[in-house]
C-alpha atoms as a PDB file:
ATOM      1  CA  UNK A   1      30.381  11.184   6.636  1.00  0.00           C
ATOM      2  CA  UNK A   2      27.853  10.733   3.635  1.00  0.00           C
ATOM      3  CA  UNK A   3      28.528  12.655   0.758  1.00  0.00           C
ATOM      4  CA  UNK A   4      25.596  14.090  -1.185  1.00  0.00           C
ATOM      5  CA  UNK A   5      26.938  12.532  -4.506  1.00  0.00           C
ATOM      6  CA  UNK A   6      26.843   9.308  -3.040  1.00  0.00           C
ATOM      7  CA  UNK A   7      23.353   9.025  -2.010  1.00  0.00           C
ATOM      8  CA  UNK A   8      20.132  10.625  -3.530  1.00  0.00           C
ATOM      9  CA  UNK A   9      17.673  11.961  -1.465  1.00  0.00           C
ATOM     10  CA  UNK A  10      15.040  14.614  -1.555  1.00  0.00           C
ATOM     11  CA  UNK A  11      15.087  17.619  -3.472  1.00  0.00           C
ATOM     12  CA  UNK A  12      16.218  20.851  -1.947  1.00  0.00           C
ATOM     13  CA  UNK A  13      12.650  22.080  -3.311  1.00  0.00           C
ATOM     14  CA  UNK A  14      10.854  19.136  -1.782  1.00  0.00           C
ATOM     15  CA  UNK A  15      12.606  19.803   1.947  1.00  0.00           C
ATOM     16  CA  UNK A  16      11.627  23.217   1.615  1.00  0.00           C
ATOM     17  CA  UNK A  17       7.931  22.394   0.847  1.00  0.00           C
ATOM     18  CA  UNK A  18       7.608  19.734   3.572  1.00  0.00           C
ATOM     19  CA  UNK A  19       9.583  21.537   6.176  1.00  0.00           C
ATOM     20  CA  UNK A  20       8.278  25.331   5.498  1.00  0.00           C
ATOM     21  CA  UNK A  21      12.112  26.465   5.552  1.00  0.00           C
ATOM     22  CA  UNK A  22      12.724  28.785   2.871  1.00  0.00           C
ATOM     23  CA  UNK A  23      14.405  27.386  -0.212  1.00  0.00           C
ATOM     24  CA  UNK A  24      17.310  30.138  -0.236  1.00  0.00           C
ATOM     25  CA  UNK A  25      18.008  29.129   3.727  1.00  0.00           C
ATOM     26  CA  UNK A  26      18.364  25.182   2.283  1.00  0.00           C
ATOM     27  CA  UNK A  27      20.558  26.182  -0.287  1.00  0.00           C
ATOM     28  CA  UNK A  28      22.879  28.300   2.175  1.00  0.00           C
ATOM     29  CA  UNK A  29      23.026  25.185   4.397  1.00  0.00           C
ATOM     30  CA  UNK A  30      23.950  23.126   1.336  1.00  0.00           C
ATOM     31  CA  UNK A  31      26.910  25.358   0.811  1.00  0.00           C
ATOM     32  CA  UNK A  32      28.325  25.655   4.410  1.00  0.00           C
ATOM     33  CA  UNK A  33      31.421  24.046   5.762  1.00  0.00           C
ATOM     34  CA  UNK A  34      30.904  20.261   5.731  1.00  0.00           C
ATOM     35  CA  UNK A  35      31.643  19.910   9.324  1.00  0.00           C
ATOM     36  CA  UNK A  36      29.225  22.598  10.590  1.00  0.00           C
ATOM     37  CA  UNK A  37      25.918  21.612  12.158  1.00  0.00           C
ATOM     38  CA  UNK A  38      24.026  23.474   9.322  1.00  0.00           C
ATOM     39  CA  UNK A  39      25.181  21.148   6.672  1.00  0.00           C
ATOM     40  CA  UNK A  40      24.732  18.307   8.656  1.00  0.00           C
ATOM     41  CA  UNK A  41      21.354  19.138   9.064  1.00  0.00           C
ATOM     42  CA  UNK A  42      20.790  19.559   5.575  1.00  0.00           C
ATOM     43  CA  UNK A  43      22.176  16.163   4.860  1.00  0.00           C
ATOM     44  CA  UNK A  44      19.631  14.727   7.715  1.00  0.00           C
ATOM     45  CA  UNK A  45      16.831  16.228   5.682  1.00  0.00           C
ATOM     46  CA  UNK A  46      18.132  15.235   2.353  1.00  0.00           C
ATOM     47  CA  UNK A  47      18.536  11.623   3.064  1.00  0.00           C
ATOM     48  CA  UNK A  48      15.524  11.137   5.434  1.00  0.00           C
ATOM     49  CA  UNK A  49      12.473   9.208   4.323  1.00  0.00           C
ATOM     50  CA  UNK A  50       9.902  11.678   2.869  1.00  0.00           C
ATOM     51  CA  UNK A  51       7.132  10.280   4.855  1.00  0.00           C
ATOM     52  CA  UNK A  52       8.880  10.518   8.060  1.00  0.00           C
ATOM     53  CA  UNK A  53       9.747  14.083   7.546  1.00  0.00           C
ATOM     54  CA  UNK A  54       5.802  14.971   6.322  1.00  0.00           C
ATOM     55  CA  UNK A  55       4.795  13.193   9.786  1.00  0.00           C
ATOM     56  CA  UNK A  56       7.212  14.967  11.781  1.00  0.00           C
ATOM     57  CA  UNK A  57       6.480  18.607   9.970  1.00  0.00           C
ATOM     58  CA  UNK A  58       2.780  18.376   9.918  1.00  0.00           C
END
């Protein structure tokens, strides 16, 4: 699994702005069990290309 520390991605605030998910929700997902689906979803969003996320959430 890719660790957040090894790759930089979108900021949590930017993920919130693009997806419309509350910032606190994203922060909770970041702190969950690293084998759980919420953390994996967080990583997917964090490491995604910004333009693709914007395209998908608009």
